[in-house]
Amino acid sequence: MEKIFNGQKTAKLGTAKNPAAVNVQTHERLEEIESIFQEKGWKYTIGLEPEKEEDILDLEILLHSPKSKIAEKKVGRNEPCPCGSGNKYKKCCGK
């Protein structure tokens, strides 16, 4: 039976263990992308391949990484109702 999960954590994208890999078609684009990586301090490898289509997916992932959301505090059942009625939440708006 083959094990699917090996227990090892993958390194964060843009670090020395997992550098971002992009391919560009022109030298000008290479310099532009390289300046973005250096400005942000990310580790990277850039391939200059004029005959292949540009692939900057790793850069897009790094630039638009999802931000964590902060959950709103819930009103407890026995706390005063936030509507200002003076009743407990469970007797007012928490029906």
PDB file of N, CA and C in Angstrom:
ATOM      1  N   MET A   1       0.848  -1.182   0.000  1.00  0.00           N
ATOM      2  CA  MET A   1       0.000   0.000   0.000  1.00  0.00           C
ATOM      3  C   MET A   1       0.891   1.242   0.000  1.00  0.00           C
ATOM      4  N   GLU A   2       0.644   2.143  -0.938  1.00  0.00           N
ATOM      5  CA  GLU A   2       1.471   3.345  -1.078  1.00  0.00           C
ATOM      6  C   GLU A   2       0.917   4.465  -0.212  1.00  0.00           C
ATOM      7  N   LYS A   3       1.820   5.143   0.478  1.00  0.00           N
ATOM      8  CA  LYS A   3       1.456   6.267   1.324  1.00  0.00           C
ATOM      9  C   LYS A   3       1.332   7.523   0.462  1.00  0.00           C
ATOM     10  N   ILE A   4       0.225   8.221   0.587  1.00  0.00           N
ATOM     11  CA  ILE A   4       0.014   9.429  -0.207  1.00  0.00           C
ATOM     12  C   ILE A   4       0.630  10.638   0.478  1.00  0.00           C
ATOM     13  N   PHE A   5       0.399  10.794   1.771  1.00  0.00           N
ATOM     14  CA  PHE A   5       0.938  11.934   2.516  1.00  0.00           C
ATOM     15  C   PHE A   5       2.232  11.516   3.174  1.00  0.00           C
ATOM     16  N   ASN A   6       3.322  12.231   2.886  1.00  0.00           N
ATOM     17  CA  ASN A   6       4.620  11.842   3.434  1.00  0.00           C
ATOM     18  C   ASN A   6       4.945  12.544   4.754  1.00  0.00           C
ATOM     19  N   GLY A   7       4.078  13.435   5.238  1.00  0.00           N
ATOM     20  CA  GLY A   7       4.285  14.084   6.527  1.00  0.00           C
ATOM     21  C   GLY A   7       5.184  15.300   6.490  1.00  0.00           C
ATOM     22  N   GLN A   8       5.740  15.622   5.339  1.00  0.00           N
ATOM     23  CA  GLN A   8       6.626  16.777   5.254  1.00  0.00           C
ATOM     24  C   GLN A   8       5.849  18.005   4.773  1.00  0.00           C
ATOM     25  N   LYS A   9       6.093  19.124   5.444  1.00  0.00           N
ATOM     26  CA  LYS A   9       5.433  20.369   5.088  1.00  0.00           C
ATOM     27  C   LYS A   9       6.133  20.974   3.875  1.00  0.00           C
ATOM     28  N   THR A  10       5.357  21.470   2.917  1.00  0.00           N
ATOM     29  CA  THR A  10       5.963  22.128   1.760  1.00  0.00           C
ATOM     30  C   THR A  10       6.397  23.530   2.153  1.00  0.00           C
ATOM     31  N   ALA A  11       7.505  23.973   1.591  1.00  0.00           N
ATOM     32  CA  ALA A  11       8.044  25.294   1.920  1.00  0.00           C
ATOM     33  C   ALA A  11       7.185  26.386   1.283  1.00  0.00           C
ATOM     34  N   LYS A  12       7.161  27.533   1.912  1.00  0.00           N
ATOM     35  CA  LYS A  12       6.410  28.682   1.416  1.00  0.00           C
ATOM     36  C   LYS A  12       7.004  29.148   0.090  1.00  0.00           C
ATOM     37  N   LEU A  13       6.150  29.511  -0.850  1.00  0.00           N
ATOM     38  CA  LEU A  13       6.581  29.978  -2.160  1.00  0.00           C
ATOM     39  C   LEU A  13       7.374  31.276  -2.023  1.00  0.00           C
ATOM     40  N   GLY A  14       8.490  31.371  -2.729  1.00  0.00           N
ATOM     41  CA  GLY A  14       9.312  32.573  -2.698  1.00  0.00           C
ATOM     42  C   GLY A  14      10.435  32.518  -1.680  1.00  0.00           C
ATOM     43  N   THR A  15      10.655  31.331  -1.072  1.00  0.00           N
ATOM     44  CA  THR A  15      11.744  31.161  -0.112  1.00  0.00           C
ATOM     45  C   THR A  15      12.878  30.386  -0.771  1.00  0.00           C
ATOM     46  N   ALA A  16      13.995  30.238  -0.060  1.00  0.00           N
ATOM     47  CA  ALA A  16      15.152  29.535  -0.612  1.00  0.00           C
ATOM     48  C   ALA A  16      14.826  28.067  -0.908  1.00  0.00           C
ATOM     49  N   LYS A  17      13.983  27.450  -0.078  1.00  0.00           N
ATOM     50  CA  LYS A  17      13.621  26.044  -0.302  1.00  0.00           C
ATOM     51  C   LYS A  17      12.624  25.864  -1.441  1.00  0.00           C
ATOM     52  N   ASN A  18      11.824  26.886  -1.715  1.00  0.00           N
ATOM     53  CA  ASN A  18      10.813  26.810  -2.770  1.00  0.00           C
ATOM     54  C   ASN A  18      10.763  28.138  -3.527  1.00  0.00           C
ATOM     55  N   PRO A  19      11.781  28.423  -4.361  1.00  0.00           N
ATOM     56  CA  PRO A  19      11.784  29.698  -5.076  1.00  0.00           C
ATOM     57  C   PRO A  19      10.702  29.738  -6.156  1.00  0.00           C
ATOM     58  N   ALA A  20      10.196  30.926  -6.418  1.00  0.00           N
ATOM     59  CA  ALA A  20       9.205  31.108  -7.480  1.00  0.00           C
ATOM     60  C   ALA A  20       9.902  30.930  -8.826  1.00  0.00           C
ATOM     61  N   ALA A  21       9.236  30.243  -9.757  1.00  0.00           N
ATOM     62  CA  ALA A  21       9.809  29.998 -11.083  1.00  0.00           C
ATOM     63  C   ALA A  21       8.906  30.625 -12.136  1.00  0.00           C
ATOM     64  N   VAL A  22       9.477  31.503 -12.952  1.00  0.00           N
ATOM     65  CA  VAL A  22       8.726  32.162 -14.024  1.00  0.00           C
ATOM     66  C   VAL A  22       9.513  32.080 -15.327  1.00  0.00           C
ATOM     67  N   ASN A  23       8.796  32.156 -16.448  1.00  0.00           N
ATOM     68  CA  ASN A  23       9.405  32.183 -17.775  1.00  0.00           C
ATOM     69  C   ASN A  23       8.905  33.414 -18.513  1.00  0.00           C
ATOM     70  N   VAL A  24       9.825  34.133 -19.170  1.00  0.00           N
ATOM     71  CA  VAL A  24       9.470  35.324 -19.939  1.00  0.00           C
ATOM     72  C   VAL A  24      10.057  35.218 -21.336  1.00  0.00           C
ATOM     73  N   GLN A  25       9.575  36.087 -22.247  1.00  0.00           N
ATOM     74  CA  GLN A  25      10.005  36.025 -23.640  1.00  0.00           C
ATOM     75  C   GLN A  25      11.067  37.055 -24.009  1.00  0.00           C
ATOM     76  N   THR A  26      11.111  38.200 -23.304  1.00  0.00           N
ATOM     77  CA  THR A  26      12.047  39.255 -23.684  1.00  0.00           C
ATOM     78  C   THR A  26      12.948  39.639 -22.508  1.00  0.00           C
ATOM     79  N   HIS A  27      14.074  40.224 -22.847  1.00  0.00           N
ATOM     80  CA  HIS A  27      15.032  40.663 -21.828  1.00  0.00           C
ATOM     81  C   HIS A  27      14.452  41.817 -21.000  1.00  0.00           C
ATOM     82  N   GLU A  28      13.674  42.702 -21.639  1.00  0.00           N
ATOM     83  CA  GLU A  28      13.061  43.821 -20.933  1.00  0.00           C
ATOM     84  C   GLU A  28      12.082  43.319 -19.866  1.00  0.00           C
ATOM     85  N   ARG A  29      11.286  42.318 -20.239  1.00  0.00           N
ATOM     86  CA  ARG A  29      10.323  41.742 -19.293  1.00  0.00           C
ATOM     87  C   ARG A  29      11.057  41.036 -18.156  1.00  0.00           C
ATOM     88  N   LEU A  30      12.188  40.415 -18.452  1.00  0.00           N
ATOM     89  CA  LEU A  30      12.995  39.751 -17.434  1.00  0.00           C
ATOM     90  C   LEU A  30      13.462  40.760 -16.391  1.00  0.00           C
ATOM     91  N   GLU A  31      13.943  41.901 -16.840  1.00  0.00           N
ATOM     92  CA  GLU A  31      14.407  42.939 -15.913  1.00  0.00           C
ATOM     93  C   GLU A  31      13.252  43.495 -15.076  1.00  0.00           C
ATOM     94  N   GLU A  32      12.081  43.650 -15.695  1.00  0.00           N
ATOM     95  CA  GLU A  32      10.907  44.166 -14.994  1.00  0.00           C
ATOM     96  C   GLU A  32      10.474  43.201 -13.878  1.00  0.00           C
ATOM     97  N   ILE A  33      10.399  41.921 -14.196  1.00  0.00           N
ATOM     98  CA  ILE A  33       9.968  40.907 -13.221  1.00  0.00           C
ATOM     99  C   ILE A  33      11.038  40.748 -12.134  1.00  0.00           C
ATOM    100  N   GLU A  34      12.291  40.780 -12.531  1.00  0.00           N
ATOM    101  CA  GLU A  34      13.384  40.640 -11.577  1.00  0.00           C
ATOM    102  C   GLU A  34      13.352  41.771 -10.541  1.00  0.00           C
ATOM    103  N   SER A  35      13.031  42.981 -10.980  1.00  0.00           N
ATOM    104  CA  SER A  35      12.974  44.111 -10.045  1.00  0.00           C
ATOM    105  C   SER A  35      11.838  43.929  -9.029  1.00  0.00           C
ATOM    106  N   ILE A  36      10.724  43.334  -9.465  1.00  0.00           N
ATOM    107  CA  ILE A  36       9.608  43.081  -8.538  1.00  0.00           C
ATOM    108  C   ILE A  36      10.038  42.083  -7.466  1.00  0.00           C
ATOM    109  N   PHE A  37      10.676  40.995  -7.885  1.00  0.00           N
ATOM    110  CA  PHE A  37      11.131  39.980  -6.928  1.00  0.00           C
ATOM    111  C   PHE A  37      12.140  40.567  -5.938  1.00  0.00           C
ATOM    112  N   GLN A  38      13.085  41.360  -6.423  1.00  0.00           N
ATOM    113  CA  GLN A  38      14.097  41.937  -5.554  1.00  0.00           C
ATOM    114  C   GLN A  38      13.497  42.956  -4.588  1.00  0.00           C
ATOM    115  N   GLU A  39      12.526  43.736  -5.052  1.00  0.00           N
ATOM    116  CA  GLU A  39      11.865  44.724  -4.204  1.00  0.00           C
ATOM    117  C   GLU A  39      11.138  44.055  -3.029  1.00  0.00           C
ATOM    118  N   LYS A  40      10.509  42.911  -3.300  1.00  0.00           N
ATOM    119  CA  LYS A  40       9.753  42.191  -2.273  1.00  0.00           C
ATOM    120  C   LYS A  40      10.632  41.261  -1.432  1.00  0.00           C
ATOM    121  N   GLY A  41      11.848  40.965  -1.904  1.00  0.00           N
ATOM    122  CA  GLY A  41      12.754  40.091  -1.156  1.00  0.00           C
ATOM    123  C   GLY A  41      12.466  38.607  -1.335  1.00  0.00           C
ATOM    124  N   TRP A  42      11.779  38.244  -2.408  1.00  0.00           N
ATOM    125  CA  TRP A  42      11.453  36.847  -2.675  1.00  0.00           C
ATOM    126  C   TRP A  42      12.574  36.178  -3.454  1.00  0.00           C
ATOM    127  N   LYS A  43      12.754  34.885  -3.232  1.00  0.00           N
ATOM    128  CA  LYS A  43      13.721  34.086  -3.999  1.00  0.00           C
ATOM    129  C   LYS A  43      13.031  33.633  -5.282  1.00  0.00           C
ATOM    130  N   TYR A  44      13.786  33.561  -6.382  1.00  0.00           N
ATOM    131  CA  TYR A  44      13.170  33.288  -7.679  1.00  0.00           C
ATOM    132  C   TYR A  44      14.163  32.677  -8.662  1.00  0.00           C
ATOM    133  N   THR A  45      13.611  32.093  -9.721  1.00  0.00           N
ATOM    134  CA  THR A  45      14.372  31.694 -10.894  1.00  0.00           C
ATOM    135  C   THR A  45      13.572  32.171 -12.107  1.00  0.00           C
ATOM    136  N   ILE A  46      14.265  32.820 -13.032  1.00  0.00           N
ATOM    137  CA  ILE A  46      13.607  33.338 -14.231  1.00  0.00           C
ATOM    138  C   ILE A  46      14.243  32.708 -15.454  1.00  0.00           C
ATOM    139  N   GLY A  47      13.398  32.151 -16.315  1.00  0.00           N
ATOM    140  CA  GLY A  47      13.867  31.581 -17.576  1.00  0.00           C
ATOM    141  C   GLY A  47      13.547  32.527 -18.716  1.00  0.00           C
ATOM    142  N   LEU A  48      14.530  32.768 -19.580  1.00  0.00           N
ATOM    143  CA  LEU A  48      14.328  33.611 -20.757  1.00  0.00           C
ATOM    144  C   LEU A  48      14.178  32.687 -21.954  1.00  0.00           C
ATOM    145  N   GLU A  49      12.933  32.485 -22.397  1.00  0.00           N
ATOM    146  CA  GLU A  49      12.647  31.559 -23.491  1.00  0.00           C
ATOM    147  C   GLU A  49      11.723  32.246 -24.494  1.00  0.00           C
ATOM    148  N   PRO A  50      12.309  32.865 -25.540  1.00  0.00           N
ATOM    149  CA  PRO A  50      11.508  33.625 -26.508  1.00  0.00           C
ATOM    150  C   PRO A  50      10.476  32.791 -27.267  1.00  0.00           C
ATOM    151  N   GLU A  51      10.720  31.497 -27.445  1.00  0.00           N
ATOM    152  CA  GLU A  51       9.803  30.671 -28.231  1.00  0.00           C
ATOM    153  C   GLU A  51       8.633  30.114 -27.410  1.00  0.00           C
ATOM    154  N   LYS A  52       8.708  30.205 -26.087  1.00  0.00           N
ATOM    155  CA  LYS A  52       7.624  29.707 -25.233  1.00  0.00           C
ATOM    156  C   LYS A  52       6.737  30.848 -24.760  1.00  0.00           C
ATOM    157  N   GLU A  53       5.503  30.500 -24.367  1.00  0.00           N
ATOM    158  CA  GLU A  53       4.562  31.479 -23.841  1.00  0.00           C
ATOM    159  C   GLU A  53       4.998  31.923 -22.446  1.00  0.00           C
ATOM    160  N   GLU A  54       4.757  33.184 -22.117  1.00  0.00           N
ATOM    161  CA  GLU A  54       5.129  33.715 -20.811  1.00  0.00           C
ATOM    162  C   GLU A  54       4.337  33.020 -19.700  1.00  0.00           C
ATOM    163  N   ASP A  55       5.043  32.643 -18.627  1.00  0.00           N
ATOM    164  CA  ASP A  55       4.415  31.971 -17.486  1.00  0.00           C
ATOM    165  C   ASP A  55       4.870  32.668 -16.207  1.00  0.00           C
ATOM    166  N   ILE A  56       3.987  33.498 -15.641  1.00  0.00           N
ATOM    167  CA  ILE A  56       4.318  34.217 -14.408  1.00  0.00           C
ATOM    168  C   ILE A  56       3.322  33.876 -13.300  1.00  0.00           C
ATOM    169  N   LEU A  57       2.818  32.662 -13.303  1.00  0.00           N
ATOM    170  CA  LEU A  57       1.810  32.236 -12.334  1.00  0.00           C
ATOM    171  C   LEU A  57       2.324  32.347 -10.898  1.00  0.00           C
ATOM    172  N   ASP A  58       3.562  31.922 -10.639  1.00  0.00           N
ATOM    173  CA  ASP A  58       4.111  32.002  -9.281  1.00  0.00           C
ATOM    174  C   ASP A  58       4.164  33.447  -8.778  1.00  0.00           C
ATOM    175  N   LEU A  59       4.515  34.379  -9.646  1.00  0.00           N
ATOM    176  CA  LEU A  59       4.548  35.790  -9.265  1.00  0.00           C
ATOM    177  C   LEU A  59       3.141  36.290  -8.942  1.00  0.00           C
ATOM    178  N   GLU A  60       2.158  35.911  -9.748  1.00  0.00           N
ATOM    179  CA  GLU A  60       0.769  36.309  -9.498  1.00  0.00           C
ATOM    180  C   GLU A  60       0.288  35.775  -8.151  1.00  0.00           C
ATOM    181  N   ILE A  61       0.650  34.539  -7.821  1.00  0.00           N
ATOM    182  CA  ILE A  61       0.263  33.938  -6.545  1.00  0.00           C
ATOM    183  C   ILE A  61       0.870  34.725  -5.393  1.00  0.00           C
ATOM    184  N   LEU A  62       2.142  35.084  -5.506  1.00  0.00           N
ATOM    185  CA  LEU A  62       2.803  35.842  -4.449  1.00  0.00           C
ATOM    186  C   LEU A  62       2.226  37.252  -4.292  1.00  0.00           C
ATOM    187  N   LEU A  63       1.910  37.902  -5.405  1.00  0.00           N
ATOM    188  CA  LEU A  63       1.397  39.264  -5.349  1.00  0.00           C
ATOM    189  C   LEU A  63      -0.037  39.331  -4.832  1.00  0.00           C
ATOM    190  N   HIS A  64      -0.823  38.298  -5.084  1.00  0.00           N
ATOM    191  CA  HIS A  64      -2.240  38.318  -4.729  1.00  0.00           C
ATOM    192  C   HIS A  64      -2.590  37.199  -3.754  1.00  0.00           C
ATOM    193  N   SER A  65      -1.734  36.981  -2.760  1.00  0.00           N
ATOM    194  CA  SER A  65      -2.009  35.935  -1.781  1.00  0.00           C
ATOM    195  C   SER A  65      -3.197  36.336  -0.916  1.00  0.00           C
ATOM    196  N   PRO A  66      -4.037  35.372  -0.548  1.00  0.00           N
ATOM    197  CA  PRO A  66      -5.225  35.709   0.242  1.00  0.00           C
ATOM    198  C   PRO A  66      -4.859  36.175   1.642  1.00  0.00           C
ATOM    199  N   LYS A  67      -5.565  37.174   2.117  1.00  0.00           N
ATOM    200  CA  LYS A  67      -5.346  37.704   3.460  1.00  0.00           C
ATOM    201  C   LYS A  67      -6.286  36.984   4.426  1.00  0.00           C
ATOM    202  N   SER A  68      -5.832  36.783   5.655  1.00  0.00           N
ATOM    203  CA  SER A  68      -6.677  36.110   6.638  1.00  0.00           C
ATOM    204  C   SER A  68      -7.778  37.054   7.106  1.00  0.00           C
ATOM    205  N   LYS A  69      -8.936  36.476   7.377  1.00  0.00           N
ATOM    206  CA  LYS A  69     -10.081  37.261   7.817  1.00  0.00           C
ATOM    207  C   LYS A  69     -10.210  37.165   9.322  1.00  0.00           C
ATOM    208  N   ILE A  70     -10.666  38.241   9.933  1.00  0.00           N
ATOM    209  CA  ILE A  70     -10.895  38.268  11.372  1.00  0.00           C
ATOM    210  C   ILE A  70     -12.391  38.098  11.597  1.00  0.00           C
ATOM    211  N   ALA A  71     -12.762  37.065  12.338  1.00  0.00           N
ATOM    212  CA  ALA A  71     -14.165  36.784  12.602  1.00  0.00           C
ATOM    213  C   ALA A  71     -14.741  37.807  13.579  1.00  0.00           C
ATOM    214  N   GLU A  72     -15.979  38.189  13.346  1.00  0.00           N
ATOM    215  CA  GLU A  72     -16.648  39.122  14.245  1.00  0.00           C
ATOM    216  C   GLU A  72     -17.004  38.401  15.533  1.00  0.00           C
ATOM    217  N   LYS A  73     -16.984  39.137  16.626  1.00  0.00           N
ATOM    218  CA  LYS A  73     -17.322  38.558  17.915  1.00  0.00           C
ATOM    219  C   LYS A  73     -18.822  38.314  17.958  1.00  0.00           C
ATOM    220  N   LYS A  74     -19.203  37.083  18.353  1.00  0.00           N
ATOM    221  CA  LYS A  74     -20.616  36.735  18.443  1.00  0.00           C
ATOM    222  C   LYS A  74     -21.170  37.184  19.790  1.00  0.00           C
ATOM    223  N   VAL A  75     -22.448  37.500  19.784  1.00  0.00           N
ATOM    224  CA  VAL A  75     -23.129  37.907  21.010  1.00  0.00           C
ATOM    225  C   VAL A  75     -23.527  36.642  21.760  1.00  0.00           C
ATOM    226  N   GLY A  76     -23.198  36.585  23.044  1.00  0.00           N
ATOM    227  CA  GLY A  76     -23.576  35.442  23.868  1.00  0.00           C
ATOM    228  C   GLY A  76     -25.069  35.465  24.173  1.00  0.00           C
ATOM    229  N   ARG A  77     -25.641  34.297  24.434  1.00  0.00           N
ATOM    230  CA  ARG A  77     -27.083  34.204  24.689  1.00  0.00           C
ATOM    231  C   ARG A  77     -27.531  35.050  25.880  1.00  0.00           C
ATOM    232  N   ASN A  78     -26.703  35.119  26.934  1.00  0.00           N
ATOM    233  CA  ASN A  78     -27.101  35.828  28.150  1.00  0.00           C
ATOM    234  C   ASN A  78     -26.570  37.256  28.233  1.00  0.00           C
ATOM    235  N   GLU A  79     -25.960  37.753  27.169  1.00  0.00           N
ATOM    236  CA  GLU A  79     -25.469  39.131  27.145  1.00  0.00           C
ATOM    237  C   GLU A  79     -26.596  40.069  26.732  1.00  0.00           C
ATOM    238  N   PRO A  80     -26.477  41.356  27.044  1.00  0.00           N
ATOM    239  CA  PRO A  80     -27.508  42.314  26.612  1.00  0.00           C
ATOM    240  C   PRO A  80     -27.592  42.358  25.091  1.00  0.00           C
ATOM    241  N   CYS A  81     -28.781  42.517  24.576  1.00  0.00           N
ATOM    242  CA  CYS A  81     -28.993  42.534  23.122  1.00  0.00           C
ATOM    243  C   CYS A  81     -28.356  43.790  22.518  1.00  0.00           C
ATOM    244  N   PRO A  82     -27.644  43.656  21.375  1.00  0.00           N
ATOM    245  CA  PRO A  82     -26.997  44.821  20.753  1.00  0.00           C
ATOM    246  C   PRO A  82     -27.991  45.824  20.165  1.00  0.00           C
ATOM    247  N   CYS A  83     -29.279  45.474  20.085  1.00  0.00           N
ATOM    248  CA  CYS A  83     -30.259  46.416  19.524  1.00  0.00           C
ATOM    249  C   CYS A  83     -30.595  47.536  20.511  1.00  0.00           C
ATOM    250  N   GLY A  84     -30.185  47.360  21.798  1.00  0.00           N
ATOM    251  CA  GLY A  84     -30.391  48.418  22.782  1.00  0.00           C
ATOM    252  C   GLY A  84     -31.688  48.313  23.561  1.00  0.00           C
ATOM    253  N   SER A  85     -32.384  47.193  23.461  1.00  0.00           N
ATOM    254  CA  SER A  85     -33.671  47.047  24.159  1.00  0.00           C
ATOM    255  C   SER A  85     -33.511  46.854  25.660  1.00  0.00           C
ATOM    256  N   GLY A  86     -32.343  46.394  26.100  1.00  0.00           N
ATOM    257  CA  GLY A  86     -32.116  46.129  27.510  1.00  0.00           C
ATOM    258  C   GLY A  86     -32.398  44.687  27.890  1.00  0.00           C
ATOM    259  N   ASN A  87     -33.008  43.931  26.991  1.00  0.00           N
ATOM    260  CA  ASN A  87     -33.278  42.510  27.253  1.00  0.00           C
ATOM    261  C   ASN A  87     -32.048  41.672  26.927  1.00  0.00           C
ATOM    262  N   LYS A  88     -32.069  40.426  27.428  1.00  0.00           N
ATOM    263  CA  LYS A  88     -31.014  39.496  27.058  1.00  0.00           C
ATOM    264  C   LYS A  88     -31.173  39.139  25.584  1.00  0.00           C
ATOM    265  N   TYR A  89     -30.071  38.827  24.949  1.00  0.00           N
ATOM    266  CA  TYR A  89     -30.081  38.506  23.527  1.00  0.00           C
ATOM    267  C   TYR A  89     -31.013  37.337  23.232  1.00  0.00           C
ATOM    268  N   LYS A  90     -31.032  36.306  24.096  1.00  0.00           N
ATOM    269  CA  LYS A  90     -31.850  35.121  23.845  1.00  0.00           C
ATOM    270  C   LYS A  90     -33.346  35.421  23.909  1.00  0.00           C
ATOM    271  N   LYS A  91     -33.745  36.475  24.616  1.00  0.00           N
ATOM    272  CA  LYS A  91     -35.164  36.832  24.744  1.00  0.00           C
ATOM    273  C   LYS A  91     -35.588  37.881  23.705  1.00  0.00           C
ATOM    274  N   CYS A  92     -34.591  38.481  23.028  1.00  0.00           N
ATOM    275  CA  CYS A  92     -34.919  39.570  22.099  1.00  0.00           C
ATOM    276  C   CYS A  92     -34.671  39.158  20.645  1.00  0.00           C
ATOM    277  N   CYS A  93     -33.495  39.424  20.132  1.00  0.00           N
ATOM    278  CA  CYS A  93     -33.178  39.164  18.721  1.00  0.00           C
ATOM    279  C   CYS A  93     -32.591  37.771  18.457  1.00  0.00           C
ATOM    280  N   GLY A  94     -32.295  37.010  19.492  1.00  0.00           N
ATOM    281  CA  GLY A  94     -31.670  35.698  19.312  1.00  0.00           C
ATOM    282  C   GLY A  94     -32.635  34.547  19.298  1.00  0.00           C
ATOM    283  N   LYS A  95     -33.873  34.782  18.939  1.00  0.00           N
ATOM    284  CA  LYS A  95     -34.911  33.739  18.967  1.00  0.00           C
ATOM    285  C   LYS A  95     -34.610  32.613  18.044  1.00  0.00           C
TER     286      LYS A  95
END
